[in-house]
Protein backbone atom coordinates (compact mmCIF):
# COMPACT_ATOMS: atom_id res chain seq x y z
CA UNK A 1 46.49 -35.03 0.36
CA UNK A 2 47.52 -33.14 3.72
CA UNK A 3 49.63 -30.51 1.19
CA UNK A 4 45.93 -30.13 -0.53
CA UNK A 5 44.11 -29.30 2.51
CA UNK A 6 46.80 -27.40 3.85
CA UNK A 7 46.77 -24.93 0.46
CA UNK A 8 43.01 -24.86 0.51
CA UNK A 9 42.93 -23.56 4.43
CA UNK A 10 45.41 -20.91 3.52
CA UNK A 11 43.28 -19.97 0.00
CA UNK A 12 40.33 -19.82 2.57
CA UNK A 13 42.43 -17.79 4.98
CA UNK A 14 43.56 -15.57 2.21
CA UNK A 15 40.30 -14.68 1.02
CA UNK A 16 38.89 -14.07 4.88
CA UNK A 17 41.73 -11.57 5.42
CA UNK A 18 41.25 -9.57 2.39
CA UNK A 19 36.93 -9.53 3.03
CA UNK A 20 38.22 -8.18 6.75
CA UNK A 21 40.64 -5.75 5.44
CA UNK A 22 37.76 -3.99 3.02
CA UNK A 23 35.13 -4.15 5.95
CA UNK A 24 37.88 -2.05 7.76
CA UNK A 25 39.04 0.33 5.04
CA UNK A 26 35.42 0.93 4.40
CA UNK A 27 33.50 0.31 7.78
CA UNK A 28 31.44 3.70 7.10
CA UNK A 29 29.71 2.45 4.20
CA UNK A 30 29.09 -0.65 5.76
CA UNK A 31 27.66 1.01 9.00
CA UNK A 32 25.10 2.89 6.89
CA UNK A 33 24.04 0.00 4.97
CA UNK A 34 23.42 -1.83 8.22
CA UNK A 35 20.48 0.38 8.78
CA UNK A 36 18.21 -0.47 5.97
CA UNK A 37 19.34 -3.82 6.26
CA UNK A 38 18.45 -4.15 10.23
CA UNK A 39 14.78 -2.31 9.01
CA UNK A 40 14.34 -4.90 6.61
CA UNK A 41 15.23 -7.88 8.92
CA UNK A 42 13.36 -6.41 11.80
CA UNK A 43 10.11 -5.19 9.89
CA UNK A 44 9.78 -7.63 7.30
CA UNK A 45 11.32 -11.03 7.77
CA UNK A 46 11.00 -11.07 11.47
CA UNK A 47 7.22 -10.76 11.02
CA UNK A 48 7.03 -13.60 8.67
CA UNK A 49 7.17 -15.66 12.03
CA UNK A 50 3.84 -15.06 12.23
CA UNK A 51 2.42 -16.06 8.77
CA UNK A 52 1.95 -19.83 9.97
CA UNK A 53 -0.97 -18.77 11.74
CA UNK A 54 -2.88 -19.44 8.29
CA UNK A 55 -2.08 -23.01 8.57
CA UNK A 56 -3.30 -23.21 12.25
CA UNK A 57 -6.11 -22.64 13.85
CA UNK A 58 -5.23 -19.41 16.59
CA UNK A 59 -6.27 -19.65 19.80
CA UNK A 60 -5.04 -16.86 21.68
CA UNK A 61 -4.52 -18.35 24.91
CA UNK A 62 -2.39 -21.06 23.77
CA UNK A 63 -0.12 -19.10 21.45
CA UNK A 64 1.05 -19.53 17.77
CA UNK A 65 2.95 -22.89 18.48
CA UNK A 66 0.11 -24.28 21.08
CA UNK A 67 -2.57 -23.81 18.23
CA UNK A 68 -3.60 -26.91 16.19
CA UNK A 69 -2.26 -27.44 12.84
CA UNK A 70 -4.81 -27.37 10.47
CA UNK A 71 -2.81 -27.12 7.12
CA UNK A 72 -4.83 -25.44 4.01
CA UNK A 73 -8.06 -25.58 5.20
CA UNK A 74 -7.99 -21.55 5.83
CA UNK A 75 -7.42 -21.22 2.38
CA UNK A 76 -10.08 -23.92 1.59
CA UNK A 77 -12.24 -22.51 3.15
CA UNK A 78 -11.86 -19.25 1.24
CA UNK A 79 -12.08 -20.76 -1.88
CA UNK A 80 -15.47 -22.50 -1.09
CA UNK A 81 -16.86 -19.22 0.18
CA UNK A 82 -19.97 -18.05 -1.63
CA UNK A 83 -17.44 -14.49 -0.92
CA UNK A 84 -14.62 -15.34 -2.83
CA UNK A 85 -15.91 -14.26 -6.80
CA UNK A 86 -16.97 -11.25 -5.41
CA UNK A 87 -14.16 -10.33 -2.97
CA UNK A 88 -11.14 -11.53 -5.23
CA UNK A 89 -13.19 -10.15 -8.59
CA UNK A 90 -13.64 -6.81 -6.95
CA UNK A 91 -9.81 -6.40 -6.53
CA UNK A 92 -8.68 -8.03 -9.43
CA UNK A 93 -11.19 -5.74 -11.35
CA UNK A 94 -10.01 -2.72 -9.77
CA UNK A 95 -6.17 -3.57 -9.97
CA UNK A 96 -6.55 -4.37 -13.83
CA UNK A 97 -8.77 -1.16 -14.46
CA UNK A 98 -6.15 1.30 -12.39
CA UNK A 99 -3.05 -0.45 -14.24
CA UNK A 100 -4.52 0.06 -17.44
CA UNK A 101 -5.74 3.36 -17.31
CA UNK A 102 -3.12 4.74 -14.99
CA UNK A 103 -0.37 3.47 -16.04
CA UNK A 104 0.38 5.57 -19.42
CA UNK A 105 -1.18 8.67 -18.05
CA UNK A 106 2.01 9.60 -16.32
CA UNK A 107 4.16 8.95 -19.51
CA UNK A 108 2.26 11.09 -21.62
CA UNK A 109 1.81 13.96 -19.38
CA UNK A 110 6.13 13.69 -18.82
CA UNK A 111 6.30 14.11 -22.60
CA UNK A 112 3.99 16.57 -23.26
CA UNK A 113 5.60 18.68 -19.74
CA UNK A 114 8.65 17.58 -21.46
CA UNK A 115 8.34 19.09 -24.90
CA UNK A 116 6.98 22.21 -23.82
CA UNK A 117 8.82 25.02 -24.74
CA UNK A 118 7.30 27.84 -22.10
CA UNK A 119 9.55 27.40 -18.83
CA UNK A 120 6.54 28.90 -16.62
CA UNK A 121 4.01 26.80 -18.18
CA UNK A 122 6.09 23.98 -17.87
CA UNK A 123 6.40 25.08 -13.74
CA UNK A 124 2.95 25.60 -13.77
CA UNK A 125 1.97 22.44 -14.76
CA UNK A 126 4.60 20.36 -12.65
CA UNK A 127 3.31 22.37 -9.49
CA UNK A 128 -0.63 21.77 -10.50
CA UNK A 129 -0.16 18.09 -11.09
CA UNK A 130 2.26 17.20 -8.49
CA UNK A 131 -0.22 18.91 -5.68
CA UNK A 132 -3.04 16.34 -5.39
CA UNK A 133 -0.28 14.05 -4.26
CA UNK A 134 0.14 15.45 -1.05
CA UNK A 135 -3.55 15.57 -0.06
CA UNK A 136 -4.30 12.82 2.74
CA UNK A 137 -6.37 9.91 1.67
CA UNK A 138 -9.42 10.98 4.14
CA UNK A 139 -9.33 14.54 2.87
CA UNK A 140 -9.56 13.06 -0.35
CA UNK A 141 -12.21 11.22 0.37
CA UNK A 142 -14.27 13.89 1.42
CA UNK A 143 -13.34 15.90 -1.54
CA UNK A 144 -15.12 13.22 -3.11
CA UNK A 145 -18.21 12.89 -1.47
CA UNK A 146 -18.57 16.85 -1.45
CA UNK A 147 -17.83 17.43 -5.20
CA UNK A 148 -20.22 14.22 -6.15
CA UNK A 149 -22.93 14.79 -3.92
CA UNK A 150 -26.08 14.59 -5.79
CA UNK A 151 -27.66 17.42 -3.46
CA UNK A 152 -25.56 20.08 -3.74
CA UNK A 153 -21.92 18.78 -5.26
CA UNK A 154 -20.19 20.72 -8.16
CA UNK A 155 -20.30 17.94 -10.44
CA UNK A 156 -23.75 17.11 -10.29
CA UNK A 157 -24.90 21.25 -10.60
CA UNK A 158 -22.93 20.74 -13.50
CA UNK A 159 -24.94 17.71 -14.97
CA UNK A 160 -28.29 19.38 -13.69
CA UNK A 161 -27.05 22.70 -15.60
CA UNK A 162 -27.05 20.76 -18.52
CA UNK A 163 -29.98 19.38 -18.44
CA UNK A 164 -29.64 16.06 -17.32
CA UNK A 165 -30.60 13.64 -14.66
CA UNK A 166 -27.97 13.94 -11.09
CA UNK A 167 -25.83 10.94 -10.67
CA UNK A 168 -25.72 9.29 -7.22
CA UNK A 169 -22.07 8.50 -7.89
CA UNK A 170 -20.99 6.95 -4.45
CA UNK A 171 -24.74 5.27 -4.22
CA UNK A 172 -24.23 3.11 -7.51
CA UNK A 173 -22.01 -0.11 -7.38
CA UNK A 174 -21.52 0.30 -11.01
CA UNK A 175 -19.86 3.55 -10.57
CA UNK A 176 -17.30 2.65 -7.73
CA UNK A 177 -14.42 1.09 -9.81
CA UNK A 178 -14.43 3.95 -12.16
CA UNK A 179 -14.68 6.99 -8.90
CA UNK A 180 -11.92 4.66 -7.38
CA UNK A 181 -9.67 4.59 -10.68
CA UNK A 182 -9.90 7.95 -11.62
CA UNK A 183 -9.50 9.79 -8.48
CA UNK A 184 -6.65 7.85 -7.97
CA UNK A 185 -5.51 8.96 -11.41
CA UNK A 186 -6.03 12.72 -10.72
CA UNK A 187 -4.21 12.57 -7.32
CA UNK A 188 -0.99 10.38 -8.52
CA UNK A 189 -0.69 10.77 -12.06
CA UNK A 190 1.68 14.17 -11.59
CA UNK A 191 3.84 12.38 -8.77
CA UNK A 192 3.95 9.84 -11.31
CA UNK A 193 5.59 11.53 -13.67
CA UNK A 194 8.83 12.43 -11.82
CA UNK A 195 10.50 9.54 -12.44
CA UNK A 196 9.95 9.67 -16.42
CA UNK A 197 10.97 13.40 -16.54
CA UNK A 198 14.13 12.51 -15.00
CA UNK A 199 14.77 9.72 -17.76
CA UNK A 200 14.08 12.24 -19.91
CA UNK A 201 16.28 14.69 -18.94
CA UNK A 202 18.97 12.03 -19.37
CA UNK A 203 18.64 11.45 -23.04
CA UNK A 204 21.60 12.80 -24.81
CA UNK A 205 20.43 16.34 -26.30
CA UNK A 206 22.68 15.66 -29.57
CA UNK A 207 19.91 13.01 -30.61
CA UNK A 208 17.46 15.81 -30.93
CA UNK A 209 19.64 18.23 -32.75
CA UNK A 210 20.97 15.13 -35.03
CA UNK A 211 17.11 14.89 -35.78
CA UNK A 212 16.19 18.41 -35.83
CA UNK A 213 19.23 18.94 -38.83
CA UNK A 214 17.52 15.90 -40.50
CA UNK A 215 14.12 17.69 -40.64
CA UNK A 216 12.41 15.34 -38.23
CA UNK A 217 9.21 16.79 -36.62
CA UNK A 218 8.69 17.41 -32.70
CA UNK A 219 6.32 14.02 -32.49
CA UNK A 220 8.70 12.44 -34.72
CA UNK A 221 11.29 12.79 -32.37
CA UNK A 222 8.93 12.51 -29.04
CA UNK A 223 8.60 8.77 -30.80
CA UNK A 224 11.48 8.00 -32.27
CA UNK A 225 13.72 9.45 -29.63
CA UNK A 226 11.93 10.19 -25.97
CA UNK A 227 9.98 7.03 -26.06
CA UNK A 228 12.67 4.70 -26.45
CA UNK A 229 14.47 6.66 -24.42
CA UNK A 230 12.38 5.89 -21.17
CA UNK A 231 11.23 2.72 -22.11
CA UNK A 232 13.61 0.79 -20.03
CA UNK A 233 12.31 2.93 -16.89
CA UNK A 234 8.78 2.27 -17.67
CA UNK A 235 9.26 -1.59 -18.13
CA UNK A 236 10.67 -1.64 -14.78
CA UNK A 237 8.39 0.81 -12.66
CA UNK A 238 5.72 -1.85 -14.68
CA UNK A 239 7.10 -4.59 -12.99
CA UNK A 240 7.61 -3.10 -9.46
CA UNK A 241 3.32 -2.23 -10.38
CA UNK A 242 2.55 -5.75 -10.84
CA UNK A 243 4.04 -6.50 -7.61
CA UNK A 244 1.59 -4.60 -5.85
CA UNK A 245 -1.09 -4.85 -8.63
CA UNK A 246 -3.45 -7.03 -6.10
CA UNK A 247 -2.80 -4.45 -3.32
CA UNK A 248 -5.62 -1.92 -3.83
CA UNK A 249 -5.80 0.98 -1.57
CA UNK A 250 -7.27 -0.34 1.38
CA UNK A 251 -7.86 2.87 3.54
CA UNK A 252 -9.17 4.66 0.04
CA UNK A 253 -11.47 1.50 -0.34
CA UNK A 254 -12.58 0.92 3.10
CA UNK A 255 -13.64 5.21 3.37
CA UNK A 256 -15.47 4.98 0.00
CA UNK A 257 -17.55 2.15 1.18
CA UNK A 258 -21.11 2.27 1.98
CA UNK A 259 -24.13 -0.47 2.06
CA UNK A 260 -25.27 0.73 -1.47
CA UNK A 261 -22.02 0.32 -3.33
CA UNK A 262 -20.84 -2.76 -1.28
CA UNK A 263 -21.47 -5.16 -3.79
CA UNK A 264 -18.62 -3.51 -5.94
CA UNK A 265 -16.21 -1.98 -2.95
CA UNK A 266 -15.35 -4.98 -0.79
CA UNK A 267 -11.83 -5.80 -2.04
CA UNK A 268 -9.34 -8.30 -0.50
CA UNK A 269 -7.89 -6.09 2.08
CA UNK A 270 -11.52 -4.70 3.60
CA UNK A 271 -12.31 -7.83 3.69
CA UNK A 272 -9.70 -9.03 5.72
CA UNK A 273 -9.88 -5.90 8.07
CA UNK A 274 -13.48 -6.87 8.73
CA UNK A 275 -13.41 -10.59 9.44
CA UNK A 276 -9.78 -10.01 11.34
CA UNK A 277 -10.25 -6.83 13.55
CA UNK A 278 -13.32 -5.52 13.45
CA UNK A 279 -15.31 -8.82 13.73
CA UNK A 280 -16.81 -9.07 17.43
CA UNK A 281 -15.51 -12.96 16.80
CA UNK A 282 -12.00 -12.08 14.91
CA UNK A 283 -10.87 -15.13 12.79
CA UNK A 284 -7.47 -14.30 13.08
CA UNK A 285 -6.20 -17.53 11.12
CA UNK A 286 -8.95 -17.19 8.01
CA UNK A 287 -7.79 -13.62 7.66
CA UNK A 288 -3.95 -14.22 7.62
CA UNK A 289 -4.71 -17.07 5.04
CA UNK A 290 -6.53 -14.76 2.81
CA UNK A 291 -4.13 -11.84 3.17
CA UNK A 292 -1.10 -14.96 2.32
CA UNK A 293 -2.89 -16.00 -0.44
CA UNK A 294 -3.23 -12.48 -2.10
CA UNK A 295 0.67 -11.86 -1.30
CA UNK A 296 1.13 -15.48 -3.34
CA UNK A 297 -0.83 -14.00 -6.09
CA UNK A 298 1.44 -10.52 -6.29
CA UNK A 299 4.84 -12.77 -5.90
CA UNK A 300 3.77 -14.93 -9.02
CA UNK A 301 2.90 -12.05 -10.83
CA UNK A 302 6.47 -10.04 -10.04
CA UNK A 303 8.29 -13.14 -11.00
CA UNK A 304 5.89 -13.80 -14.27
CA UNK A 305 6.07 -9.96 -15.72
CA UNK A 306 9.71 -9.92 -14.85
CA UNK A 307 10.66 -13.06 -17.01
CA UNK A 308 8.39 -11.94 -19.88
CA UNK A 309 9.76 -8.56 -19.74
CA UNK A 310 13.63 -10.15 -19.71
CA UNK A 311 12.72 -12.03 -22.78
CA UNK A 312 10.73 -9.29 -24.71
CA UNK A 313 12.80 -6.03 -23.86
CA UNK A 314 16.02 -7.53 -22.08
CA UNK A 315 15.00 -5.07 -19.26
CA UNK A 316 14.18 -6.83 -16.09
CA UNK A 317 14.71 -6.24 -12.00
CA UNK A 318 17.02 -9.27 -11.70
């Protein structure tokens, strides 16, 4: 028995020695790796300590540990609130609308740019579609308000020139989702093509050459070679997008909000901001519970979609 224990101890010692030798031999790589690890620990894991106030009735003078424990009361308060259906419905509606309308467009745009045979047109198209990404959210919302103004906006000027009545886009709750989603697509579609263009560049050109010899048209080559070639990339990006599905852009939604469209523009992030920071009597525990609820939904979505993708396409994040 003693011999077995000594052999096990020697085996553990040898493994530790090999590990230390590997670290000493590649210390530069481990040093570089330590920076992102430290970033995630400091800014993503340590703040989780504060998430417990979602389960407490937070009192500032008593601190987090001194505040009374209330369990899931804050969550139940939100579920029973008359605003629950509206806030969660708006968040989910905008998120799904953005996903359905916005996810395929960068793929289509990348396929069109990739199939262009005019290099100058290809570069111009990329530059024009990338440019809106570099406009800040504040400036972009300002542009939206100017273009969509019922008095002097260019869009309404065109509508009036065609003989129709001007539309108060930002004053009608029913228009908010579409304005929010399509302006976001305009801003980010070009930027989203970068990864798909990179994936298309990685496709073996001999596949296209063989298809041309066989008489395949450009459309057939796109459908049979390009689309399957970028499908794993699209699946991975879709899974990543699902993990952030309920994180609808807070800044943009808040800037676009006004009393006339509040019925459709109040989302979880803006609601949390108003009750947790903007309010005269901030409800930190209540707002933390709502934020945690939103994070749990995102976590459940990414787990579910990852498992579905693994079974359907054999592509997944883990």
